[in-house]
């Protein structure tokens, strides 16, 4: 277990260093992906009403892990229709 934790720490550190280099050198550390989110509202009668929001661009970061409060672009490309349960 300590080997896996150490490997994860090294991977995160290298990923963060590459991210900081890309920010400092202005080498496109950020990207944008269009996301179409929707809300699922559970009603009293047991049915679910879906409310679709208009598509909007969302900023992501070109890295393996999340940095600077942004989700990685590889993750956002696979989750372009997030659902919010209300």
PDB file of N, CA and C in Angstrom:
ATOM      1  N   UNK A   1       0.821  -1.195   0.000  1.00  0.00           N
ATOM      2  CA  UNK A   1       0.000   0.000   0.000  1.00  0.00           C
ATOM      3  C   UNK A   1       0.865   1.260   0.000  1.00  0.00           C
ATOM      4  N   UNK A   2       1.931   1.271   0.717  1.00  0.00           N
ATOM      5  CA  UNK A   2       2.782   2.455   0.752  1.00  0.00           C
ATOM      6  C   UNK A   2       3.453   2.689  -0.595  1.00  0.00           C
ATOM      7  N   UNK A   3       3.709   1.617  -1.316  1.00  0.00           N
ATOM      8  CA  UNK A   3       4.297   1.757  -2.656  1.00  0.00           C
ATOM      9  C   UNK A   3       3.306   2.440  -3.607  1.00  0.00           C
ATOM     10  N   UNK A   4       2.043   2.048  -3.521  1.00  0.00           N
ATOM     11  CA  UNK A   4       1.016   2.656  -4.376  1.00  0.00           C
ATOM     12  C   UNK A   4       0.820   4.125  -4.014  1.00  0.00           C
ATOM     13  N   UNK A   5       0.825   4.419  -2.717  1.00  0.00           N
ATOM     14  CA  UNK A   5       0.665   5.815  -2.288  1.00  0.00           C
ATOM     15  C   UNK A   5       1.866   6.655  -2.735  1.00  0.00           C
ATOM     16  N   UNK A   6       3.057   6.096  -2.646  1.00  0.00           N
ATOM     17  CA  UNK A   6       4.252   6.810  -3.085  1.00  0.00           C
ATOM     18  C   UNK A   6       4.252   7.052  -4.580  1.00  0.00           C
ATOM     19  N   UNK A   7       3.816   6.050  -5.339  1.00  0.00           N
ATOM     20  CA  UNK A   7       3.748   6.185  -6.793  1.00  0.00           C
ATOM     21  C   UNK A   7       2.716   7.246  -7.188  1.00  0.00           C
ATOM     22  N   UNK A   8       1.588   7.268  -6.487  1.00  0.00           N
ATOM     23  CA  UNK A   8       0.565   8.275  -6.746  1.00  0.00           C
ATOM     24  C   UNK A   8       1.083   9.673  -6.416  1.00  0.00           C
ATOM     25  N   UNK A   9       1.803   9.793  -5.337  1.00  0.00           N
ATOM     26  CA  UNK A   9       2.370  11.085  -4.947  1.00  0.00           C
ATOM     27  C   UNK A   9       3.388  11.573  -5.978  1.00  0.00           C
ATOM     28  N   UNK A  10       4.225  10.685  -6.473  1.00  0.00           N
ATOM     29  CA  UNK A  10       5.204  11.052  -7.495  1.00  0.00           C
ATOM     30  C   UNK A  10       4.488  11.464  -8.784  1.00  0.00           C
ATOM     31  N   UNK A  11       3.454  10.702  -9.180  1.00  0.00           N
ATOM     32  CA  UNK A  11       2.708  11.022 -10.403  1.00  0.00           C
ATOM     33  C   UNK A  11       2.035  12.389 -10.277  1.00  0.00           C
ATOM     34  N   UNK A  12       1.433  12.671  -9.119  1.00  0.00           N
ATOM     35  CA  UNK A  12       0.787  13.961  -8.916  1.00  0.00           C
ATOM     36  C   UNK A  12       1.812  15.094  -8.937  1.00  0.00           C
ATOM     37  N   UNK A  13       2.956  14.875  -8.309  1.00  0.00           N
ATOM     38  CA  UNK A  13       3.997  15.915  -8.267  1.00  0.00           C
ATOM     39  C   UNK A  13       4.527  16.235  -9.655  1.00  0.00           C
ATOM     40  N   UNK A  14       4.789  15.211 -10.454  1.00  0.00           N
ATOM     41  CA  UNK A  14       5.275  15.435 -11.814  1.00  0.00           C
ATOM     42  C   UNK A  14       4.201  16.122 -12.650  1.00  0.00           C
ATOM     43  N   UNK A  15       2.943  15.681 -12.498  1.00  0.00           N
ATOM     44  CA  UNK A  15       1.839  16.291 -13.237  1.00  0.00           C
ATOM     45  C   UNK A  15       1.679  17.759 -12.855  1.00  0.00           C
ATOM     46  N   UNK A  16       1.810  18.076 -11.581  1.00  0.00           N
ATOM     47  CA  UNK A  16       1.693  19.460 -11.129  1.00  0.00           C
ATOM     48  C   UNK A  16       2.854  20.309 -11.654  1.00  0.00           C
ATOM     49  N   UNK A  17       4.060  19.747 -11.671  1.00  0.00           N
ATOM     50  CA  UNK A  17       5.221  20.492 -12.188  1.00  0.00           C
ATOM     51  C   UNK A  17       5.042  20.798 -13.676  1.00  0.00           C
ATOM     52  N   UNK A  18       4.550  19.828 -14.433  1.00  0.00           N
ATOM     53  CA  UNK A  18       4.311  20.046 -15.862  1.00  0.00           C
ATOM     54  C   UNK A  18       3.209  21.089 -16.049  1.00  0.00           C
ATOM     55  N   UNK A  19       2.167  21.026 -15.225  1.00  0.00           N
ATOM     56  CA  UNK A  19       1.090  22.015 -15.300  1.00  0.00           C
ATOM     57  C   UNK A  19       1.629  23.422 -15.021  1.00  0.00           C
ATOM     58  N   UNK A  20       2.433  23.585 -13.965  1.00  0.00           N
ATOM     59  CA  UNK A  20       2.981  24.901 -13.623  1.00  0.00           C
ATOM     60  C   UNK A  20       3.902  25.412 -14.739  1.00  0.00           C
ATOM     61  N   UNK A  21       4.650  24.519 -15.368  1.00  0.00           N
ATOM     62  CA  UNK A  21       5.507  24.914 -16.485  1.00  0.00           C
ATOM     63  C   UNK A  21       4.655  25.413 -17.647  1.00  0.00           C
ATOM     64  N   UNK A  22       3.572  24.703 -17.953  1.00  0.00           N
ATOM     65  CA  UNK A  22       2.708  25.098 -19.063  1.00  0.00           C
ATOM     66  C   UNK A  22       2.035  26.439 -18.779  1.00  0.00           C
ATOM     67  N   UNK A  23       1.694  26.697 -17.519  1.00  0.00           N
ATOM     68  CA  UNK A  23       1.104  27.996 -17.162  1.00  0.00           C
ATOM     69  C   UNK A  23       2.146  29.097 -17.320  1.00  0.00           C
ATOM     70  N   UNK A  24       3.350  28.862 -16.803  1.00  0.00           N
ATOM     71  CA  UNK A  24       4.395  29.888 -16.851  1.00  0.00           C
ATOM     72  C   UNK A  24       4.842  30.165 -18.287  1.00  0.00           C
ATOM     73  N   UNK A  25       4.915  29.133 -19.118  1.00  0.00           N
ATOM     74  CA  UNK A  25       5.383  29.295 -20.490  1.00  0.00           C
ATOM     75  C   UNK A  25       4.241  29.613 -21.455  1.00  0.00           C
ATOM     76  N   UNK A  26       3.028  29.719 -20.934  1.00  0.00           N
ATOM     77  CA  UNK A  26       1.837  30.005 -21.738  1.00  0.00           C
ATOM     78  C   UNK A  26       1.688  28.988 -22.875  1.00  0.00           C
ATOM     79  N   UNK A  27       1.757  27.715 -22.529  1.00  0.00           N
ATOM     80  CA  UNK A  27       1.646  26.631 -23.504  1.00  0.00           C
ATOM     81  C   UNK A  27       0.303  25.923 -23.405  1.00  0.00           C
ATOM     82  N   UNK A  28      -0.754  26.676 -23.391  1.00  0.00           N
ATOM     83  CA  UNK A  28      -2.132  26.192 -23.399  1.00  0.00           C
ATOM     84  C   UNK A  28      -2.410  25.135 -22.321  1.00  0.00           C
ATOM     85  N   UNK A  29      -2.337  25.518 -21.031  1.00  0.00           N
ATOM     86  CA  UNK A  29      -2.632  24.548 -19.981  1.00  0.00           C
ATOM     87  C   UNK A  29      -4.137  24.295 -19.826  1.00  0.00           C
ATOM     88  N   UNK A  30      -4.960  25.191 -20.385  1.00  0.00           N
ATOM     89  CA  UNK A  30      -6.406  25.073 -20.229  1.00  0.00           C
ATOM     90  C   UNK A  30      -7.081  24.810 -21.562  1.00  0.00           C
ATOM     91  N   UNK A  31      -8.259  24.201 -21.504  1.00  0.00           N
ATOM     92  CA  UNK A  31      -9.068  23.955 -22.681  1.00  0.00           C
ATOM     93  C   UNK A  31     -10.527  24.226 -22.365  1.00  0.00           C
ATOM     94  N   UNK A  32     -11.386  24.104 -23.348  1.00  0.00           N
ATOM     95  CA  UNK A  32     -12.825  24.279 -23.150  1.00  0.00           C
ATOM     96  C   UNK A  32     -13.569  23.171 -23.868  1.00  0.00           C
ATOM     97  N   UNK A  33     -14.584  22.646 -23.170  1.00  0.00           N
ATOM     98  CA  UNK A  33     -15.427  21.598 -23.732  1.00  0.00           C
ATOM     99  C   UNK A  33     -16.873  22.012 -23.488  1.00  0.00           C
ATOM    100  N   UNK A  34     -17.739  21.826 -24.475  1.00  0.00           N
ATOM    101  CA  UNK A  34     -19.147  22.163 -24.348  1.00  0.00           C
ATOM    102  C   UNK A  34     -19.861  21.065 -23.567  1.00  0.00           C
ATOM    103  N   UNK A  35     -20.557  21.483 -22.512  1.00  0.00           N
ATOM    104  CA  UNK A  35     -21.239  20.555 -21.613  1.00  0.00           C
ATOM    105  C   UNK A  35     -22.734  20.865 -21.627  1.00  0.00           C
ATOM    106  N   UNK A  36     -23.552  19.827 -21.753  1.00  0.00           N
ATOM    107  CA  UNK A  36     -25.016  19.958 -21.722  1.00  0.00           C
ATOM    108  C   UNK A  36     -25.528  19.280 -20.460  1.00  0.00           C
ATOM    109  N   UNK A  37     -25.738  20.043 -19.407  1.00  0.00           N
ATOM    110  CA  UNK A  37     -26.184  19.464 -18.144  1.00  0.00           C
ATOM    111  C   UNK A  37     -27.708  19.454 -18.072  1.00  0.00           C
ATOM    112  N   UNK A  38     -28.219  18.607 -17.185  1.00  0.00           N
ATOM    113  CA  UNK A  38     -29.665  18.564 -16.967  1.00  0.00           C
ATOM    114  C   UNK A  38     -29.949  18.214 -15.512  1.00  0.00           C
ATOM    115  N   UNK A  39     -31.142  18.624 -15.057  1.00  0.00           N
ATOM    116  CA  UNK A  39     -31.592  18.370 -13.685  1.00  0.00           C
ATOM    117  C   UNK A  39     -32.676  17.314 -13.709  1.00  0.00           C
ATOM    118  N   UNK A  40     -32.629  16.396 -12.753  1.00  0.00           N
ATOM    119  CA  UNK A  40     -33.658  15.369 -12.607  1.00  0.00           C
ATOM    120  C   UNK A  40     -34.409  15.649 -11.305  1.00  0.00           C
ATOM    121  N   UNK A  41     -35.666  16.071 -11.435  1.00  0.00           N
ATOM    122  CA  UNK A  41     -36.474  16.450 -10.275  1.00  0.00           C
ATOM    123  C   UNK A  41     -37.447  15.317  -9.978  1.00  0.00           C
ATOM    124  N   UNK A  42     -37.302  14.724  -8.790  1.00  0.00           N
ATOM    125  CA  UNK A  42     -38.209  13.660  -8.379  1.00  0.00           C
ATOM    126  C   UNK A  42     -39.487  14.293  -7.834  1.00  0.00           C
ATOM    127  N   UNK A  43     -40.631  13.924  -8.429  1.00  0.00           N
ATOM    128  CA  UNK A  43     -41.898  14.500  -8.018  1.00  0.00           C
ATOM    129  C   UNK A  43     -42.575  13.621  -6.970  1.00  0.00           C
ATOM    130  N   UNK A  44     -43.632  14.147  -6.344  1.00  0.00           N
ATOM    131  CA  UNK A  44     -44.323  13.428  -5.276  1.00  0.00           C
ATOM    132  C   UNK A  44     -44.985  12.143  -5.759  1.00  0.00           C
ATOM    133  N   UNK A  45     -45.393  12.104  -7.015  1.00  0.00           N
ATOM    134  CA  UNK A  45     -46.065  10.921  -7.533  1.00  0.00           C
ATOM    135  C   UNK A  45     -45.086   9.836  -7.976  1.00  0.00           C
ATOM    136  N   UNK A  46     -43.782  10.037  -7.741  1.00  0.00           N
ATOM    137  CA  UNK A  46     -42.784   9.031  -8.062  1.00  0.00           C
ATOM    138  C   UNK A  46     -42.171   9.186  -9.438  1.00  0.00           C
ATOM    139  N   UNK A  47     -42.694  10.062 -10.244  1.00  0.00           N
ATOM    140  CA  UNK A  47     -42.138  10.280 -11.576  1.00  0.00           C
ATOM    141  C   UNK A  47     -40.977  11.268 -11.503  1.00  0.00           C
ATOM    142  N   UNK A  48     -40.142  11.237 -12.508  1.00  0.00           N
ATOM    143  CA  UNK A  48     -39.000  12.138 -12.579  1.00  0.00           C
ATOM    144  C   UNK A  48     -39.180  13.087 -13.750  1.00  0.00           C
ATOM    145  N   UNK A  49     -39.031  14.378 -13.462  1.00  0.00           N
ATOM    146  CA  UNK A  49     -39.103  15.402 -14.502  1.00  0.00           C
ATOM    147  C   UNK A  49     -37.684  15.843 -14.832  1.00  0.00           C
ATOM    148  N   UNK A  50     -37.360  15.872 -16.119  1.00  0.00           N
ATOM    149  CA  UNK A  50     -36.035  16.281 -16.563  1.00  0.00           C
ATOM    150  C   UNK A  50     -36.086  17.702 -17.097  1.00  0.00           C
ATOM    151  N   UNK A  51     -35.177  18.540 -16.620  1.00  0.00           N
ATOM    152  CA  UNK A  51     -35.069  19.926 -17.060  1.00  0.00           C
ATOM    153  C   UNK A  51     -33.689  20.078 -17.690  1.00  0.00           C
ATOM    154  N   UNK A  52     -33.675  20.308 -19.003  1.00  0.00           N
ATOM    155  CA  UNK A  52     -32.414  20.396 -19.745  1.00  0.00           C
ATOM    156  C   UNK A  52     -31.941  21.844 -19.808  1.00  0.00           C
ATOM    157  N   UNK A  53     -30.679  22.046 -19.467  1.00  0.00           N
ATOM    158  CA  UNK A  53     -30.057  23.365 -19.517  1.00  0.00           C
ATOM    159  C   UNK A  53     -29.387  23.549 -20.881  1.00  0.00           C
ATOM    160  N   UNK A  54     -29.271  24.780 -21.358  1.00  0.00           N
ATOM    161  CA  UNK A  54     -28.606  24.988 -22.657  1.00  0.00           C
ATOM    162  C   UNK A  54     -27.117  24.619 -22.571  1.00  0.00           C
ATOM    163  N   UNK A  55     -26.541  24.148 -23.671  1.00  0.00           N
ATOM    164  CA  UNK A  55     -25.107  23.812 -23.669  1.00  0.00           C
ATOM    165  C   UNK A  55     -24.260  25.044 -23.374  1.00  0.00           C
ATOM    166  N   UNK A  56     -23.206  24.835 -22.601  1.00  0.00           N
ATOM    167  CA  UNK A  56     -22.312  25.940 -22.268  1.00  0.00           C
ATOM    168  C   UNK A  56     -20.874  25.429 -22.214  1.00  0.00           C
ATOM    169  N   UNK A  57     -19.918  26.263 -22.599  1.00  0.00           N
ATOM    170  CA  UNK A  57     -18.519  25.841 -22.539  1.00  0.00           C
ATOM    171  C   UNK A  57     -18.028  25.812 -21.096  1.00  0.00           C
ATOM    172  N   UNK A  58     -17.254  24.793 -20.772  1.00  0.00           N
ATOM    173  CA  UNK A  58     -16.692  24.659 -19.433  1.00  0.00           C
ATOM    174  C   UNK A  58     -15.174  24.544 -19.562  1.00  0.00           C
ATOM    175  N   UNK A  59     -14.462  25.266 -18.722  1.00  0.00           N
ATOM    176  CA  UNK A  59     -13.006  25.260 -18.757  1.00  0.00           C
ATOM    177  C   UNK A  59     -12.479  24.000 -18.086  1.00  0.00           C
ATOM    178  N   UNK A  60     -11.456  23.416 -18.696  1.00  0.00           N
ATOM    179  CA  UNK A  60     -10.811  22.231 -18.134  1.00  0.00           C
ATOM    180  C   UNK A  60      -9.297  22.419 -18.232  1.00  0.00           C
ATOM    181  N   UNK A  61      -8.554  21.523 -17.614  1.00  0.00           N
ATOM    182  CA  UNK A  61      -7.101  21.616 -17.590  1.00  0.00           C
ATOM    183  C   UNK A  61      -6.507  20.388 -18.292  1.00  0.00           C
ATOM    184  N   UNK A  62      -5.489  20.612 -19.120  1.00  0.00           N
ATOM    185  CA  UNK A  62      -4.820  19.521 -19.832  1.00  0.00           C
ATOM    186  C   UNK A  62      -3.787  18.881 -18.902  1.00  0.00           C
ATOM    187  N   UNK A  63      -4.247  17.955 -18.064  1.00  0.00           N
ATOM    188  CA  UNK A  63      -3.359  17.251 -17.146  1.00  0.00           C
ATOM    189  C   UNK A  63      -4.033  15.947 -16.721  1.00  0.00           C
ATOM    190  N   UNK A  64      -3.307  15.155 -15.959  1.00  0.00           N
ATOM    191  CA  UNK A  64      -3.828  13.875 -15.489  1.00  0.00           C
ATOM    192  C   UNK A  64      -4.730  14.062 -14.279  1.00  0.00           C
ATOM    193  N   UNK A  65      -4.371  14.989 -13.397  1.00  0.00           N
ATOM    194  CA  UNK A  65      -5.115  15.262 -12.169  1.00  0.00           C
ATOM    195  C   UNK A  65      -5.727  16.660 -12.231  1.00  0.00           C
ATOM    196  N   UNK A  66      -6.768  16.938 -11.411  1.00  0.00           N
ATOM    197  CA  UNK A  66      -7.320  18.295 -11.373  1.00  0.00           C
ATOM    198  C   UNK A  66      -6.332  19.289 -10.751  1.00  0.00           C
ATOM    199  N   UNK A  67      -6.266  20.470 -11.329  1.00  0.00           N
ATOM    200  CA  UNK A  67      -5.402  21.544 -10.818  1.00  0.00           C
ATOM    201  C   UNK A  67      -6.136  22.868 -10.968  1.00  0.00           C
ATOM    202  N   UNK A  68      -5.829  23.799 -10.068  1.00  0.00           N
ATOM    203  CA  UNK A  68      -6.354  25.167 -10.103  1.00  0.00           C
ATOM    204  C   UNK A  68      -7.881  25.189 -10.080  1.00  0.00           C
ATOM    205  N   UNK A  69      -8.504  24.183  -9.507  1.00  0.00           N
ATOM    206  CA  UNK A  69      -9.959  24.151  -9.392  1.00  0.00           C
ATOM    207  C   UNK A  69     -10.683  23.699 -10.645  1.00  0.00           C
ATOM    208  N   UNK A  70      -9.977  23.174 -11.627  1.00  0.00           N
ATOM    209  CA  UNK A  70     -10.590  22.727 -12.869  1.00  0.00           C
ATOM    210  C   UNK A  70     -10.447  21.216 -13.028  1.00  0.00           C
ATOM    211  N   UNK A  71     -11.439  20.628 -13.675  1.00  0.00           N
ATOM    212  CA  UNK A  71     -11.463  19.195 -13.944  1.00  0.00           C
ATOM    213  C   UNK A  71     -10.543  18.899 -15.129  1.00  0.00           C
ATOM    214  N   UNK A  72      -9.887  17.751 -15.155  1.00  0.00           N
ATOM    215  CA  UNK A  72      -9.067  17.409 -16.330  1.00  0.00           C
ATOM    216  C   UNK A  72      -9.919  17.262 -17.587  1.00  0.00           C
ATOM    217  N   UNK A  73      -9.356  17.647 -18.713  1.00  0.00           N
ATOM    218  CA  UNK A  73     -10.095  17.588 -19.981  1.00  0.00           C
ATOM    219  C   UNK A  73     -10.440  16.157 -20.375  1.00  0.00           C
ATOM    220  N   UNK A  74      -9.555  15.189 -20.058  1.00  0.00           N
ATOM    221  CA  UNK A  74      -9.855  13.800 -20.416  1.00  0.00           C
ATOM    222  C   UNK A  74     -11.107  13.313 -19.692  1.00  0.00           C
ATOM    223  N   UNK A  75     -11.331  13.790 -18.476  1.00  0.00           N
ATOM    224  CA  UNK A  75     -12.516  13.394 -17.715  1.00  0.00           C
ATOM    225  C   UNK A  75     -13.758  14.104 -18.245  1.00  0.00           C
ATOM    226  N   UNK A  76     -13.625  15.378 -18.541  1.00  0.00           N
ATOM    227  CA  UNK A  76     -14.769  16.161 -18.999  1.00  0.00           C
ATOM    228  C   UNK A  76     -15.242  15.711 -20.378  1.00  0.00           C
ATOM    229  N   UNK A  77     -14.344  15.239 -21.223  1.00  0.00           N
ATOM    230  CA  UNK A  77     -14.739  14.731 -22.539  1.00  0.00           C
ATOM    231  C   UNK A  77     -15.623  13.498 -22.424  1.00  0.00           C
ATOM    232  N   UNK A  78     -15.443  12.723 -21.379  1.00  0.00           N
ATOM    233  CA  UNK A  78     -16.225  11.505 -21.171  1.00  0.00           C
ATOM    234  C   UNK A  78     -17.517  11.750 -20.388  1.00  0.00           C
ATOM    235  N   UNK A  79     -17.643  12.923 -19.783  1.00  0.00           N
ATOM    236  CA  UNK A  79     -18.819  13.266 -18.983  1.00  0.00           C
ATOM    237  C   UNK A  79     -19.390  14.605 -19.448  1.00  0.00           C
ATOM    238  N   UNK A  80     -19.891  14.645 -20.666  1.00  0.00           N
ATOM    239  CA  UNK A  80     -20.388  15.913 -21.235  1.00  0.00           C
ATOM    240  C   UNK A  80     -21.854  16.157 -20.900  1.00  0.00           C
ATOM    241  N   UNK A  81     -22.541  15.227 -20.247  1.00  0.00           N
ATOM    242  CA  UNK A  81     -23.934  15.404 -19.874  1.00  0.00           C
ATOM    243  C   UNK A  81     -24.140  15.072 -18.397  1.00  0.00           C
ATOM    244  N   UNK A  82     -23.647  15.945 -17.497  1.00  0.00           N
ATOM    245  CA  UNK A  82     -23.805  15.662 -16.073  1.00  0.00           C
ATOM    246  C   UNK A  82     -25.257  15.823 -15.621  1.00  0.00           C
ATOM    247  N   UNK A  83     -25.671  14.957 -14.726  1.00  0.00           N
ATOM    248  CA  UNK A  83     -27.032  14.962 -14.199  1.00  0.00           C
ATOM    249  C   UNK A  83     -27.002  15.426 -12.758  1.00  0.00           C
ATOM    250  N   UNK A  84     -27.901  16.337 -12.410  1.00  0.00           N
ATOM    251  CA  UNK A  84     -28.054  16.815 -11.049  1.00  0.00           C
ATOM    252  C   UNK A  84     -29.394  16.331 -10.513  1.00  0.00           C
ATOM    253  N   UNK A  85     -29.356  15.497  -9.484  1.00  0.00           N
ATOM    254  CA  UNK A  85     -30.603  15.004  -8.872  1.00  0.00           C
ATOM    255  C   UNK A  85     -31.098  16.001  -7.831  1.00  0.00           C
ATOM    256  N   UNK A  86     -32.358  16.399  -7.986  1.00  0.00           N
ATOM    257  CA  UNK A  86     -32.945  17.363  -7.058  1.00  0.00           C
ATOM    258  C   UNK A  86     -34.093  16.679  -6.340  1.00  0.00           C
TER     259      UNK A  86
END
